[in-house]
Amino acid sequence: MSNIQSKTDALFLRWKQAYEKEGYTGFCADGLLYRGGNWDKEVAGEQYHGKYEGDEENMWLQAPKRLLFLLKDTNGNPGEDLREFRPGANGSIALHYKNLAYWTYGLLAFDETHDAPAFDALDFWEEAFPAFDQKPLAIVNCKKEAGKGSINPAVLQEHIDRYAPFIKEQIEILDPDIIVCGGGSSVIKEFVANHVYPGIVKVNNWVYYDDTRRKVVIDSYHPSYRFEEVADMYTGMMDKYKEFLAAHPEFRKSSRK
């Protein structure tokens, strides 16, 4: 047994201690999303929805492709654990998670015989959302201190430089097959290229590949980016990923075989 969650929690203890020594507060845990039962609660008149721990670790270990979104920071929620979040439980969903849901469905739809469907052929609540809500999935923020709606690239770079060993360790614990680097003007992708998978080679404007380790890195828009349509971001990512697969058809096969 890999004990992904316990290894991640042990890492967070060291990471949080280092954070607090530097004067940061509100450390936000993240990683492999919980896939247990749902919970709902009301706090000060606000409704909150989440998930308990479940069988997410076995699901992740057996997944044909392990997908990790490597992002900047969480918008608010100081001191909370992103792994238990359940966006969309009330029937509406923020742009951030809407894009993540579409990307999750599309990227995981590719296999040895199938491609991702066209955007117009997808029903969000019947197909994309359940994929995001139920499939094994990891979300990791480079900056663990809660942020706001945007972050200065220099601040993001400072956190990445300062805590690069911790970020790398969290990624190595998860051992994903596909990392989507969401935003940061390629700062996040450059971190992965320099510290995690130095063997990646550019395939196209979105996709980088390490053919020795069979790792894919996608340099994407941030999921909260408001200056491109949801359909265009989905289509752009899927088209470039399909183009990559045409050049490297071996990656269509399950990584667990």
C-alpha atoms as a PDB file:
ATOM      1  CA  MET A   1       0.000   0.000   0.000  1.00  0.00           C
ATOM      2  CA  SER A   2       1.303   3.400  -0.969  1.00  0.00           C
ATOM      3  CA  ASN A   3      -0.212   5.364   1.966  1.00  0.00           C
ATOM      4  CA  ILE A   4      -0.461   8.486  -0.176  1.00  0.00           C
ATOM      5  CA  GLN A   5      -2.616  10.452   2.260  1.00  0.00           C
ATOM      6  CA  SER A   6      -0.504   9.654   5.323  1.00  0.00           C
ATOM      7  CA  LYS A   7       2.702  10.537   3.479  1.00  0.00           C
ATOM      8  CA  THR A   8       1.100  13.774   2.302  1.00  0.00           C
ATOM      9  CA  ASP A   9      -0.057  14.643   5.838  1.00  0.00           C
ATOM     10  CA  ALA A  10       3.456  14.030   7.194  1.00  0.00           C
ATOM     11  CA  LEU A  11       4.847  16.315   4.494  1.00  0.00           C
ATOM     12  CA  PHE A  12       2.317  18.995   5.410  1.00  0.00           C
ATOM     13  CA  LEU A  13       3.445  18.971   9.042  1.00  0.00           C
ATOM     14  CA  ARG A  14       6.982  19.911   7.957  1.00  0.00           C
ATOM     15  CA  TRP A  15       5.760  22.312   5.289  1.00  0.00           C
ATOM     16  CA  LYS A  16       3.414  24.128   7.677  1.00  0.00           C
ATOM     17  CA  GLN A  17       6.167  24.491  10.268  1.00  0.00           C
ATOM     18  CA  ALA A  18       8.435  26.046   7.646  1.00  0.00           C
ATOM     19  CA  TYR A  19       5.598  28.328   6.540  1.00  0.00           C
ATOM     20  CA  GLU A  20       4.861  29.565  10.015  1.00  0.00           C
ATOM     21  CA  LYS A  21       8.534  30.278  10.697  1.00  0.00           C
ATOM     22  CA  GLU A  22       8.397  32.633   7.710  1.00  0.00           C
ATOM     23  CA  GLY A  23       5.307  34.370   9.096  1.00  0.00           C
ATOM     24  CA  TYR A  24       2.731  32.810   6.788  1.00  0.00           C
ATOM     25  CA  THR A  25      -0.644  31.703   8.143  1.00  0.00           C
ATOM     26  CA  GLY A  26      -3.729  29.800   7.013  1.00  0.00           C
ATOM     27  CA  PHE A  27      -1.904  26.833   5.452  1.00  0.00           C
ATOM     28  CA  CYS A  28      -4.290  25.135   2.991  1.00  0.00           C
ATOM     29  CA  ALA A  29      -3.875  21.394   2.516  1.00  0.00           C
ATOM     30  CA  ASP A  30      -4.610  19.813  -0.865  1.00  0.00           C
ATOM     31  CA  GLY A  31      -3.696  16.812  -2.984  1.00  0.00           C
ATOM     32  CA  LEU A  32      -5.629  13.625  -3.767  1.00  0.00           C
ATOM     33  CA  LEU A  33      -9.306  14.572  -3.493  1.00  0.00           C
ATOM     34  CA  TYR A  34     -11.469  12.580  -1.080  1.00  0.00           C
ATOM     35  CA  ARG A  35     -13.934  10.180  -2.662  1.00  0.00           C
ATOM     36  CA  GLY A  36     -15.963   9.021   0.349  1.00  0.00           C
ATOM     37  CA  GLY A  37     -19.508   9.952   1.319  1.00  0.00           C
ATOM     38  CA  ASN A  38     -20.853  13.489   1.126  1.00  0.00           C
ATOM     39  CA  TRP A  39     -21.338  15.832   4.099  1.00  0.00           C
ATOM     40  CA  ASP A  40     -23.227  19.103   4.430  1.00  0.00           C
ATOM     41  CA  LYS A  41     -23.148  21.659   7.233  1.00  0.00           C
ATOM     42  CA  GLU A  42     -24.215  25.200   8.038  1.00  0.00           C
ATOM     43  CA  VAL A  43     -21.819  27.672   9.664  1.00  0.00           C
ATOM     44  CA  ALA A  44     -22.999  31.189  10.531  1.00  0.00           C
ATOM     45  CA  GLY A  45     -25.804  30.911   8.015  1.00  0.00           C
ATOM     46  CA  GLU A  46     -23.525  29.692   5.215  1.00  0.00           C
ATOM     47  CA  GLN A  47     -23.948  26.260   3.640  1.00  0.00           C
ATOM     48  CA  TYR A  48     -20.840  24.110   3.165  1.00  0.00           C
ATOM     49  CA  HIS A  49     -20.526  20.835   1.293  1.00  0.00           C
ATOM     50  CA  GLY A  50     -17.716  18.306   1.291  1.00  0.00           C
ATOM     51  CA  LYS A  51     -16.602  14.690   1.132  1.00  0.00           C
ATOM     52  CA  TYR A  52     -15.182  12.278   3.661  1.00  0.00           C
ATOM     53  CA  GLU A  53     -12.086  10.210   2.988  1.00  0.00           C
ATOM     54  CA  GLY A  54     -12.911   7.116   0.992  1.00  0.00           C
ATOM     55  CA  ASP A  55     -11.343   4.744  -1.485  1.00  0.00           C
ATOM     56  CA  GLU A  56      -9.588   7.512  -3.428  1.00  0.00           C
ATOM     57  CA  GLU A  57      -6.145   5.993  -2.886  1.00  0.00           C
ATOM     58  CA  ASN A  58      -6.976   2.608  -4.432  1.00  0.00           C
ATOM     59  CA  MET A  59      -8.816   4.387  -7.234  1.00  0.00           C
ATOM     60  CA  TRP A  60      -5.737   6.535  -7.899  1.00  0.00           C
ATOM     61  CA  LEU A  61      -3.319   3.607  -7.812  1.00  0.00           C
ATOM     62  CA  GLN A  62      -5.429   1.669 -10.325  1.00  0.00           C
ATOM     63  CA  ALA A  63      -6.351   4.574 -12.627  1.00  0.00           C
ATOM     64  CA  PRO A  64      -5.290   4.140 -16.284  1.00  0.00           C
ATOM     65  CA  LYS A  65      -4.048   7.731 -16.139  1.00  0.00           C
ATOM     66  CA  ARG A  66      -3.414   9.779 -12.993  1.00  0.00           C
ATOM     67  CA  LEU A  67      -4.291  13.433 -13.536  1.00  0.00           C
ATOM     68  CA  LEU A  68      -2.929  16.239 -11.351  1.00  0.00           C
ATOM     69  CA  PHE A  69      -3.770  19.923 -11.635  1.00  0.00           C
ATOM     70  CA  LEU A  70      -0.822  22.010 -10.396  1.00  0.00           C
ATOM     71  CA  LEU A  71      -2.190  25.480  -9.688  1.00  0.00           C
ATOM     72  CA  LYS A  72      -1.202  28.744  -7.998  1.00  0.00           C
ATOM     73  CA  ASP A  73      -3.127  29.114  -4.730  1.00  0.00           C
ATOM     74  CA  THR A  74      -6.628  28.786  -3.354  1.00  0.00           C
ATOM     75  CA  ASN A  75      -8.969  31.774  -3.406  1.00  0.00           C
ATOM     76  CA  GLY A  76      -9.717  32.220   0.304  1.00  0.00           C
ATOM     77  CA  ASN A  77     -10.456  29.264   2.607  1.00  0.00           C
ATOM     78  CA  PRO A  78      -7.490  29.820   4.989  1.00  0.00           C
ATOM     79  CA  GLY A  79      -6.648  26.750   7.048  1.00  0.00           C
ATOM     80  CA  GLU A  80      -9.040  24.485   5.130  1.00  0.00           C
ATOM     81  CA  ASP A  81      -8.328  21.193   3.359  1.00  0.00           C
ATOM     82  CA  LEU A  82      -9.072  21.283  -0.355  1.00  0.00           C
ATOM     83  CA  ARG A  83      -9.178  17.491  -0.490  1.00  0.00           C
ATOM     84  CA  GLU A  84     -12.615  17.475   1.129  1.00  0.00           C
ATOM     85  CA  PHE A  85     -14.199  20.210  -1.021  1.00  0.00           C
ATOM     86  CA  ARG A  86     -17.280  19.380  -3.122  1.00  0.00           C
ATOM     87  CA  PRO A  87     -17.866  22.251  -5.576  1.00  0.00           C
ATOM     88  CA  GLY A  88     -21.143  22.162  -7.466  1.00  0.00           C
ATOM     89  CA  ALA A  89     -23.101  20.434  -4.710  1.00  0.00           C
ATOM     90  CA  ASN A  90     -25.727  23.199  -4.711  1.00  0.00           C
ATOM     91  CA  GLY A  91     -26.352  23.002  -8.456  1.00  0.00           C
ATOM     92  CA  SER A  92     -24.098  25.884  -9.460  1.00  0.00           C
ATOM     93  CA  ILE A  93     -20.357  25.941  -9.968  1.00  0.00           C
ATOM     94  CA  ALA A  94     -17.652  28.613 -10.227  1.00  0.00           C
ATOM     95  CA  LEU A  95     -15.736  29.095 -13.477  1.00  0.00           C
ATOM     96  CA  HIS A  96     -12.588  27.686 -11.836  1.00  0.00           C
ATOM     97  CA  TYR A  97     -14.154  24.301 -11.145  1.00  0.00           C
ATOM     98  CA  LYS A  98     -16.238  24.296 -14.310  1.00  0.00           C
ATOM     99  CA  ASN A  99     -13.088  24.388 -16.406  1.00  0.00           C
ATOM    100  CA  LEU A 100     -11.412  21.757 -14.232  1.00  0.00           C
ATOM    101  CA  ALA A 101     -14.433  19.498 -14.716  1.00  0.00           C
ATOM    102  CA  TYR A 102     -14.367  19.828 -18.498  1.00  0.00           C
ATOM    103  CA  TRP A 103     -10.598  19.285 -18.629  1.00  0.00           C
ATOM    104  CA  THR A 104     -10.835  16.261 -16.357  1.00  0.00           C
ATOM    105  CA  TYR A 105     -13.523  14.641 -18.456  1.00  0.00           C
ATOM    106  CA  GLY A 106     -11.745  15.381 -21.726  1.00  0.00           C
ATOM    107  CA  LEU A 107      -8.248  14.280 -20.780  1.00  0.00           C
ATOM    108  CA  LEU A 108      -9.437  11.077 -19.121  1.00  0.00           C
ATOM    109  CA  ALA A 109     -11.680  10.241 -22.092  1.00  0.00           C
ATOM    110  CA  PHE A 110      -8.670   9.477 -24.271  1.00  0.00           C
ATOM    111  CA  ASP A 111      -7.617   5.836 -24.342  1.00  0.00           C
ATOM    112  CA  GLU A 112      -6.458   3.291 -26.926  1.00  0.00           C
ATOM    113  CA  THR A 113      -9.645   3.578 -28.993  1.00  0.00           C
ATOM    114  CA  HIS A 114     -11.366   6.811 -27.982  1.00  0.00           C
ATOM    115  CA  ASP A 115     -10.755  10.564 -28.141  1.00  0.00           C
ATOM    116  CA  ALA A 116     -12.329  13.320 -26.074  1.00  0.00           C
ATOM    117  CA  PRO A 117     -15.746  14.352 -27.391  1.00  0.00           C
ATOM    118  CA  ALA A 118     -16.295  17.758 -28.956  1.00  0.00           C
ATOM    119  CA  PHE A 119     -17.308  20.432 -26.478  1.00  0.00           C
ATOM    120  CA  ASP A 120     -20.788  20.809 -27.986  1.00  0.00           C
ATOM    121  CA  ALA A 121     -21.399  17.074 -27.549  1.00  0.00           C
ATOM    122  CA  LEU A 122     -20.801  17.228 -23.796  1.00  0.00           C
ATOM    123  CA  ASP A 123     -23.503  17.675 -21.173  1.00  0.00           C
ATOM    124  CA  PHE A 124     -21.820  19.397 -18.229  1.00  0.00           C
ATOM    125  CA  TRP A 125     -23.975  18.102 -15.371  1.00  0.00           C
ATOM    126  CA  GLU A 126     -24.439  14.612 -16.798  1.00  0.00           C
ATOM    127  CA  GLU A 127     -20.856  13.969 -17.974  1.00  0.00           C
ATOM    128  CA  ALA A 128     -18.190  16.551 -17.107  1.00  0.00           C
ATOM    129  CA  PHE A 129     -19.267  17.262 -13.542  1.00  0.00           C
ATOM    130  CA  PRO A 130     -19.563  13.600 -12.460  1.00  0.00           C
ATOM    131  CA  ALA A 131     -16.047  12.990 -13.782  1.00  0.00           C
ATOM    132  CA  PHE A 132     -14.703  15.816 -11.629  1.00  0.00           C
ATOM    133  CA  ASP A 133     -16.800  14.745  -8.639  1.00  0.00           C
ATOM    134  CA  GLN A 134     -16.143  11.011  -8.745  1.00  0.00           C
ATOM    135  CA  LYS A 135     -12.975  10.048 -10.637  1.00  0.00           C
ATOM    136  CA  PRO A 136      -9.610   9.890  -8.848  1.00  0.00           C
ATOM    137  CA  LEU A 137      -8.093  13.362  -9.170  1.00  0.00           C
ATOM    138  CA  ALA A 138      -5.415  15.482  -7.506  1.00  0.00           C
ATOM    139  CA  ILE A 139      -5.232  19.264  -7.118  1.00  0.00           C
ATOM    140  CA  VAL A 140      -2.031  20.799  -5.728  1.00  0.00           C
ATOM    141  CA  ASN A 141      -1.401  24.491  -5.148  1.00  0.00           C
ATOM    142  CA  CYS A 142       2.195  25.703  -5.255  1.00  0.00           C
ATOM    143  CA  LYS A 143       1.431  28.454  -2.737  1.00  0.00           C
ATOM    144  CA  LYS A 144      -0.202  26.938   0.319  1.00  0.00           C
ATOM    145  CA  GLU A 145      -1.131  30.232   1.961  1.00  0.00           C
ATOM    146  CA  ALA A 146      -4.697  31.199   1.060  1.00  0.00           C
ATOM    147  CA  GLY A 147      -4.833  33.942  -1.554  1.00  0.00           C
ATOM    148  CA  LYS A 148      -7.409  36.067  -3.326  1.00  0.00           C
ATOM    149  CA  GLY A 149      -8.788  36.260  -6.840  1.00  0.00           C
ATOM    150  CA  SER A 150      -5.351  36.855  -8.389  1.00  0.00           C
ATOM    151  CA  ILE A 151      -1.690  36.657  -7.470  1.00  0.00           C
ATOM    152  CA  ASN A 152       1.330  38.659  -8.584  1.00  0.00           C
ATOM    153  CA  PRO A 153       3.618  36.342 -10.610  1.00  0.00           C
ATOM    154  CA  ALA A 154       6.577  37.536  -8.524  1.00  0.00           C
ATOM    155  CA  VAL A 155       4.834  36.417  -5.319  1.00  0.00           C
ATOM    156  CA  LEU A 156       4.053  33.036  -6.863  1.00  0.00           C
ATOM    157  CA  GLN A 157       7.665  32.694  -8.016  1.00  0.00           C
ATOM    158  CA  GLU A 158       8.919  33.549  -4.523  1.00  0.00           C
ATOM    159  CA  HIS A 159       6.820  30.791  -2.959  1.00  0.00           C
ATOM    160  CA  ILE A 160       7.873  28.292  -5.621  1.00  0.00           C
ATOM    161  CA  ASP A 161      11.552  29.113  -5.166  1.00  0.00           C
ATOM    162  CA  ARG A 162      11.335  28.997  -1.381  1.00  0.00           C
ATOM    163  CA  TYR A 163       9.323  25.793  -1.104  1.00  0.00           C
ATOM    164  CA  ALA A 164      10.388  23.923  -4.257  1.00  0.00           C
ATOM    165  CA  PRO A 165      11.549  20.801  -2.339  1.00  0.00           C
ATOM    166  CA  PHE A 166       8.152  20.498  -0.625  1.00  0.00           C
ATOM    167  CA  ILE A 167       6.206  20.959  -3.868  1.00  0.00           C
ATOM    168  CA  LYS A 168       8.407  18.408  -5.617  1.00  0.00           C
ATOM    169  CA  GLU A 169       7.939  15.915  -2.785  1.00  0.00           C
ATOM    170  CA  GLN A 170       4.166  16.240  -2.904  1.00  0.00           C
ATOM    171  CA  ILE A 171       4.173  15.597  -6.653  1.00  0.00           C
ATOM    172  CA  GLU A 172       6.484  12.605  -6.226  1.00  0.00           C
ATOM    173  CA  ILE A 173       4.201  11.113  -3.560  1.00  0.00           C
ATOM    174  CA  LEU A 174       1.297  11.322  -6.012  1.00  0.00           C
ATOM    175  CA  ASP A 175       3.336  10.162  -9.041  1.00  0.00           C
ATOM    176  CA  PRO A 176       0.882  11.461 -11.676  1.00  0.00           C
ATOM    177  CA  ASP A 177       0.982  10.629 -15.369  1.00  0.00           C
ATOM    178  CA  ILE A 178      -0.376  13.994 -16.532  1.00  0.00           C
ATOM    179  CA  ILE A 179       0.284  17.341 -14.855  1.00  0.00           C
ATOM    180  CA  VAL A 180      -1.770  20.311 -16.007  1.00  0.00           C
ATOM    181  CA  CYS A 181       0.101  23.482 -15.003  1.00  0.00           C
ATOM    182  CA  GLY A 182      -2.660  26.042 -14.624  1.00  0.00           C
ATOM    183  CA  GLY A 183      -1.553  29.590 -15.277  1.00  0.00           C
ATOM    184  CA  GLY A 184       1.300  31.588 -13.813  1.00  0.00           C
ATOM    185  CA  SER A 185       2.641  32.682 -17.220  1.00  0.00           C
ATOM    186  CA  SER A 186       4.509  29.348 -17.534  1.00  0.00           C
ATOM    187  CA  VAL A 187       6.129  29.831 -14.094  1.00  0.00           C
ATOM    188  CA  ILE A 188       4.539  26.595 -12.889  1.00  0.00           C
ATOM    189  CA  LYS A 189       5.523  24.668 -16.019  1.00  0.00           C
ATOM    190  CA  GLU A 190       9.101  25.910 -15.674  1.00  0.00           C
ATOM    191  CA  PHE A 191       9.188  24.701 -12.080  1.00  0.00           C
ATOM    192  CA  VAL A 192       8.140  21.216 -13.208  1.00  0.00           C
ATOM    193  CA  ALA A 193      10.687  21.252 -16.018  1.00  0.00           C
ATOM    194  CA  ASN A 194      13.518  22.381 -13.743  1.00  0.00           C
ATOM    195  CA  HIS A 195      12.762  20.437 -10.558  1.00  0.00           C
ATOM    196  CA  VAL A 196      10.467  17.483 -11.206  1.00  0.00           C
ATOM    197  CA  TYR A 197      10.687  16.191 -14.780  1.00  0.00           C
ATOM    198  CA  PRO A 198      13.821  17.738 -16.316  1.00  0.00           C
ATOM    199  CA  GLY A 199      13.541  15.370 -19.272  1.00  0.00           C
ATOM    200  CA  ILE A 200      10.384  16.913 -20.745  1.00  0.00           C
ATOM    201  CA  VAL A 201      10.570  18.056 -24.360  1.00  0.00           C
ATOM    202  CA  LYS A 202       8.177  20.452 -26.063  1.00  0.00           C
ATOM    203  CA  VAL A 203       5.730  18.743 -28.426  1.00  0.00           C
ATOM    204  CA  ASN A 204       3.520  21.756 -29.184  1.00  0.00           C
ATOM    205  CA  ASN A 205       2.415  25.007 -27.539  1.00  0.00           C
ATOM    206  CA  TRP A 206       0.519  23.125 -24.833  1.00  0.00           C
ATOM    207  CA  VAL A 207       2.181  19.748 -24.327  1.00  0.00           C
ATOM    208  CA  TYR A 208       5.607  18.628 -23.079  1.00  0.00           C
ATOM    209  CA  TYR A 209       6.653  14.989 -22.766  1.00  0.00           C
ATOM    210  CA  ASP A 210       9.288  12.881 -21.041  1.00  0.00           C
ATOM    211  CA  ASP A 211       9.253   9.714 -23.143  1.00  0.00           C
ATOM    212  CA  THR A 212      11.599   7.887 -20.760  1.00  0.00           C
ATOM    213  CA  ARG A 213       9.428   8.355 -17.678  1.00  0.00           C
ATOM    214  CA  ARG A 214       6.156   8.594 -19.679  1.00  0.00           C
ATOM    215  CA  LYS A 215       5.144  11.879 -18.074  1.00  0.00           C
ATOM    216  CA  VAL A 216       3.033  14.533 -19.788  1.00  0.00           C
ATOM    217  CA  VAL A 217       3.060  18.186 -18.741  1.00  0.00           C
ATOM    218  CA  ILE A 218       0.430  20.560 -20.122  1.00  0.00           C
ATOM    219  CA  ASP A 219       1.071  24.298 -19.916  1.00  0.00           C
ATOM    220  CA  SER A 220      -2.462  25.653 -19.645  1.00  0.00           C
ATOM    221  CA  TYR A 221      -4.472  28.731 -18.852  1.00  0.00           C
ATOM    222  CA  HIS A 222      -5.463  29.057 -15.219  1.00  0.00           C
ATOM    223  CA  PRO A 223      -8.955  27.544 -14.769  1.00  0.00           C
ATOM    224  CA  SER A 224     -10.254  30.924 -13.530  1.00  0.00           C
ATOM    225  CA  TYR A 225      -9.032  32.752 -16.652  1.00  0.00           C
ATOM    226  CA  ARG A 226     -11.879  34.944 -17.909  1.00  0.00           C
ATOM    227  CA  PHE A 227     -10.548  36.142 -21.247  1.00  0.00           C
ATOM    228  CA  GLU A 228     -11.061  32.876 -23.131  1.00  0.00           C
ATOM    229  CA  GLU A 229     -14.337  31.025 -23.521  1.00  0.00           C
ATOM    230  CA  VAL A 230     -14.752  27.734 -21.657  1.00  0.00           C
ATOM    231  CA  ALA A 231     -15.365  25.988 -24.988  1.00  0.00           C
ATOM    232  CA  ASP A 232     -12.213  27.445 -26.552  1.00  0.00           C
ATOM    233  CA  MET A 233      -9.969  26.446 -23.637  1.00  0.00           C
ATOM    234  CA  TYR A 234     -11.365  22.906 -23.657  1.00  0.00           C
ATOM    235  CA  THR A 235     -11.044  22.564 -27.422  1.00  0.00           C
ATOM    236  CA  GLY A 236      -7.550  24.050 -27.488  1.00  0.00           C
ATOM    237  CA  MET A 237      -6.278  21.688 -24.791  1.00  0.00           C
ATOM    238  CA  MET A 238      -7.919  18.585 -26.285  1.00  0.00           C
ATOM    239  CA  ASP A 239      -6.729  19.347 -29.822  1.00  0.00           C
ATOM    240  CA  LYS A 240      -3.125  19.768 -28.696  1.00  0.00           C
ATOM    241  CA  TYR A 241      -3.288  16.677 -26.485  1.00  0.00           C
ATOM    242  CA  LYS A 242      -4.644  14.684 -29.444  1.00  0.00           C
ATOM    243  CA  GLU A 243      -1.814  16.066 -31.578  1.00  0.00           C
ATOM    244  CA  PHE A 244       0.654  14.859 -28.941  1.00  0.00           C
ATOM    245  CA  LEU A 245      -0.942  11.395 -28.923  1.00  0.00           C
ATOM    246  CA  ALA A 246      -0.582  11.165 -32.700  1.00  0.00           C
ATOM    247  CA  ALA A 247       3.173  11.626 -32.239  1.00  0.00           C
ATOM    248  CA  HIS A 248       3.356   9.366 -29.168  1.00  0.00           C
ATOM    249  CA  PRO A 249       0.571   6.765 -29.494  1.00  0.00           C
ATOM    250  CA  GLU A 250       2.160   4.636 -26.765  1.00  0.00           C
ATOM    251  CA  PHE A 251       0.813   7.074 -24.190  1.00  0.00           C
ATOM    252  CA  ARG A 252      -2.766   6.101 -25.069  1.00  0.00           C
ATOM    253  CA  LYS A 253      -2.246   2.821 -23.245  1.00  0.00           C
ATOM    254  CA  SER A 254      -2.991   2.526 -19.575  1.00  0.00           C
ATOM    255  CA  SER A 255      -0.024   3.377 -17.372  1.00  0.00           C
ATOM    256  CA  ARG A 256      -1.077   0.646 -14.952  1.00  0.00           C
ATOM    257  CA  LYS A 257      -0.629  -2.297 -17.330  1.00  0.00           C
END
